Amino acid sequence: MHKIDTIDLKILELLQQDGRMTNVDLAAQVGISAPPCLRRVRALEVAGLLQGYHAVVNERALGFEVKVFAMVGLHSQAEADLQAFEGLCNDWPYVRECHMLNGEIDFVLKCVAPDLSSFQTFLTENLTSADNVASVKTSLVIRCAKDVPGVPIQAFVP
């Protein structure tokens, strides 16, 4: 396991805020020179603490006007059935997140669609008709008050 120090935490925090930051800028902000900074970033990647770099795309600007959370109940929670449902979710483009839950609901899905009609078609032709799906309850997002990706690095205590 990679031992994390305060410099690593600062690197993670800065890259989480701006994954396009140059190594030179990153090194300057954490107070070390560029070569050891790059070695630290590579070590964080190898350790699995940095898993990728992503752009944040404006959903609405691309015409995805609808965001829905779908709570899914399955008939069977056998591991093979859970994995089969997760595989379906990976194949459905409108499903952006799929989380297995503990409790009455087996999965919660975050979905996006261009409009309600498109989501309804996905819901009826794919999600509710999928093998092993017992129930689906949906909630349409009206607005988002907070959407912060990643983790609160400041709260981590090494």
Protein backbone atom coordinates (compact mmCIF):
# COMPACT_ATOMS: atom_id res chain seq x y z
CA MET A 1 0.00 0.00 0.00
CA HIS A 2 1.17 3.51 -0.85
CA LYS A 3 1.95 5.63 2.22
CA ILE A 4 0.27 9.01 1.72
CA ASP A 5 1.86 12.20 3.01
CA THR A 6 0.70 15.81 2.94
CA ILE A 7 2.31 16.47 -0.45
CA ASP A 8 0.48 13.48 -1.97
CA LEU A 9 -2.78 14.76 -0.49
CA LYS A 10 -2.22 18.20 -1.98
CA ILE A 11 -1.43 16.62 -5.37
CA LEU A 12 -4.65 14.61 -5.20
CA GLU A 13 -6.67 17.65 -4.18
CA LEU A 14 -5.28 19.84 -6.97
CA LEU A 15 -5.66 17.19 -9.68
CA GLN A 16 -9.18 16.45 -8.50
CA GLN A 17 -9.98 20.15 -9.03
CA ASP A 18 -8.13 20.43 -12.36
CA GLY A 19 -6.95 17.25 -14.05
CA ARG A 20 -5.45 19.27 -16.91
CA MET A 21 -3.01 21.11 -14.67
CA THR A 22 0.54 20.86 -16.00
CA ASN A 23 3.14 19.06 -13.94
CA VAL A 24 5.13 22.30 -13.65
CA ASP A 25 2.11 24.16 -12.20
CA LEU A 26 1.27 21.25 -9.94
CA ALA A 27 4.84 21.06 -8.63
CA ALA A 28 4.88 24.80 -7.94
CA GLN A 29 1.62 24.66 -6.02
CA VAL A 30 2.74 21.77 -3.83
CA GLY A 31 6.19 23.26 -3.28
CA ILE A 32 8.46 20.70 -4.95
CA SER A 33 10.31 20.58 -8.27
CA ALA A 34 8.75 19.05 -11.38
CA PRO A 35 10.67 15.71 -11.59
CA PRO A 36 9.79 14.47 -8.08
CA CYS A 37 6.24 15.76 -8.56
CA LEU A 38 5.85 13.66 -11.70
CA ARG A 39 7.29 10.62 -9.87
CA ARG A 40 4.72 11.15 -7.11
CA VAL A 41 1.85 11.44 -9.62
CA ARG A 42 2.98 8.23 -11.34
CA ALA A 43 3.25 6.46 -7.96
CA LEU A 44 -0.29 7.62 -7.08
CA GLU A 45 -1.51 6.24 -10.43
CA VAL A 46 0.27 2.90 -9.92
CA ALA A 47 -1.15 2.65 -6.39
CA GLY A 48 -4.65 3.17 -7.82
CA LEU A 49 -5.23 6.42 -5.94
CA LEU A 50 -5.47 8.31 -9.25
CA GLN A 51 -7.70 6.27 -11.52
CA GLY A 52 -8.14 8.58 -14.46
CA TYR A 53 -8.57 12.09 -15.78
CA HIS A 54 -11.97 13.20 -17.06
CA ALA A 55 -13.59 16.23 -18.57
CA VAL A 56 -16.81 17.52 -17.02
CA VAL A 57 -19.28 17.82 -19.87
CA ASN A 58 -22.27 20.15 -19.72
CA GLU A 59 -25.21 17.74 -20.09
CA ARG A 60 -27.78 20.37 -20.94
CA ALA A 61 -25.56 22.09 -23.51
CA LEU A 62 -25.43 18.76 -25.35
CA GLY A 63 -29.19 18.37 -25.20
CA PHE A 64 -29.51 15.98 -22.24
CA GLU A 65 -32.34 17.83 -20.50
CA VAL A 66 -33.56 14.99 -18.29
CA LYS A 67 -31.85 13.44 -15.27
CA VAL A 68 -33.60 10.65 -13.41
CA PHE A 69 -32.76 8.44 -10.46
CA ALA A 70 -34.21 4.96 -10.83
CA MET A 71 -34.57 2.67 -7.82
CA VAL A 72 -34.54 -0.93 -9.00
CA GLY A 73 -35.68 -4.04 -7.16
CA LEU A 74 -34.70 -7.46 -8.45
CA HIS A 75 -36.47 -10.81 -8.07
CA SER A 76 -33.20 -12.55 -7.18
CA GLN A 77 -30.12 -11.25 -5.43
CA ALA A 78 -27.94 -14.24 -6.26
CA GLU A 79 -24.47 -13.07 -7.23
CA ALA A 80 -24.85 -14.23 -10.84
CA ASP A 81 -28.11 -12.28 -11.14
CA LEU A 82 -26.58 -9.15 -9.60
CA GLN A 83 -23.66 -9.34 -12.02
CA ALA A 84 -26.01 -9.89 -14.96
CA PHE A 85 -27.95 -6.74 -14.06
CA GLU A 86 -24.72 -4.75 -13.63
CA GLY A 87 -23.66 -5.95 -17.07
CA LEU A 88 -26.89 -4.62 -18.57
CA CYS A 89 -26.34 -1.27 -16.86
CA ASN A 90 -22.87 -1.08 -18.37
CA ASP A 91 -24.42 -1.59 -21.82
CA TRP A 92 -27.11 1.10 -21.44
CA PRO A 93 -25.75 4.53 -22.44
CA TYR A 94 -28.43 6.47 -20.55
CA VAL A 95 -27.29 4.85 -17.28
CA ARG A 96 -24.39 6.97 -16.05
CA GLU A 97 -24.06 5.47 -12.56
CA CYS A 98 -25.16 2.17 -11.07
CA HIS A 99 -24.89 1.53 -7.33
CA MET A 100 -25.90 -1.64 -5.51
CA LEU A 101 -27.57 -0.81 -2.20
CA ASN A 102 -28.28 -2.46 1.10
CA GLY A 103 -31.95 -2.48 2.04
CA GLU A 104 -35.26 -2.60 0.20
CA ILE A 105 -33.86 -1.27 -3.07
CA ASP A 106 -31.23 -3.36 -4.84
CA PHE A 107 -29.82 -0.70 -7.17
CA VAL A 108 -30.04 3.03 -7.73
CA LEU A 109 -29.26 4.26 -11.24
CA LYS A 110 -28.47 7.79 -12.32
CA CYS A 111 -29.76 8.22 -15.85
CA VAL A 112 -29.66 11.05 -18.36
CA ALA A 113 -31.73 11.40 -21.52
CA PRO A 114 -32.43 14.08 -24.11
CA ASP A 115 -36.10 14.32 -23.12
CA LEU A 116 -38.86 12.55 -21.18
CA SER A 117 -40.00 10.61 -24.21
CA SER A 118 -36.53 9.14 -24.75
CA PHE A 119 -36.26 8.22 -21.09
CA GLN A 120 -39.73 6.64 -21.14
CA THR A 121 -38.70 4.52 -24.14
CA PHE A 122 -35.54 3.39 -22.31
CA LEU A 123 -37.58 2.70 -19.18
CA THR A 124 -40.19 0.54 -20.88
CA GLU A 125 -38.09 -1.15 -23.57
CA ASN A 126 -34.95 -1.78 -21.55
CA LEU A 127 -35.07 -1.28 -17.81
CA THR A 128 -38.48 -2.56 -16.72
CA SER A 129 -38.42 -5.38 -19.25
CA ALA A 130 -34.95 -6.63 -18.29
CA ASP A 131 -34.60 -10.13 -16.88
CA ASN A 132 -34.89 -10.33 -13.09
CA VAL A 133 -36.23 -6.76 -12.67
CA ALA A 134 -39.14 -6.85 -10.22
CA SER A 135 -39.79 -3.13 -9.72
CA VAL A 136 -38.59 0.28 -10.82
CA LYS A 137 -39.41 3.56 -9.12
CA THR A 138 -38.16 6.75 -10.75
CA SER A 139 -37.59 10.27 -9.52
CA LEU A 140 -37.08 13.10 -11.99
CA VAL A 141 -34.42 15.60 -10.94
CA ILE A 142 -35.86 19.12 -10.78
CA ARG A 143 -32.57 20.86 -10.00
CA CYS A 144 -29.17 20.07 -8.55
CA ALA A 145 -28.01 22.01 -5.51
CA LYS A 146 -24.61 20.30 -5.28
CA ASP A 147 -22.59 18.07 -7.57
CA VAL A 148 -19.00 17.72 -6.44
CA PRO A 149 -17.07 14.79 -7.89
CA GLY A 150 -14.35 13.00 -5.98
CA VAL A 151 -13.77 12.96 -2.26
CA PRO A 152 -13.17 15.67 0.38
CA ILE A 153 -9.37 15.43 0.49
CA GLN A 154 -9.25 17.99 3.33
CA ALA A 155 -11.11 15.54 5.56
CA PHE A 156 -8.50 12.77 5.11
CA VAL A 157 -6.23 12.22 8.08
CA PRO A 158 -3.07 10.24 7.20
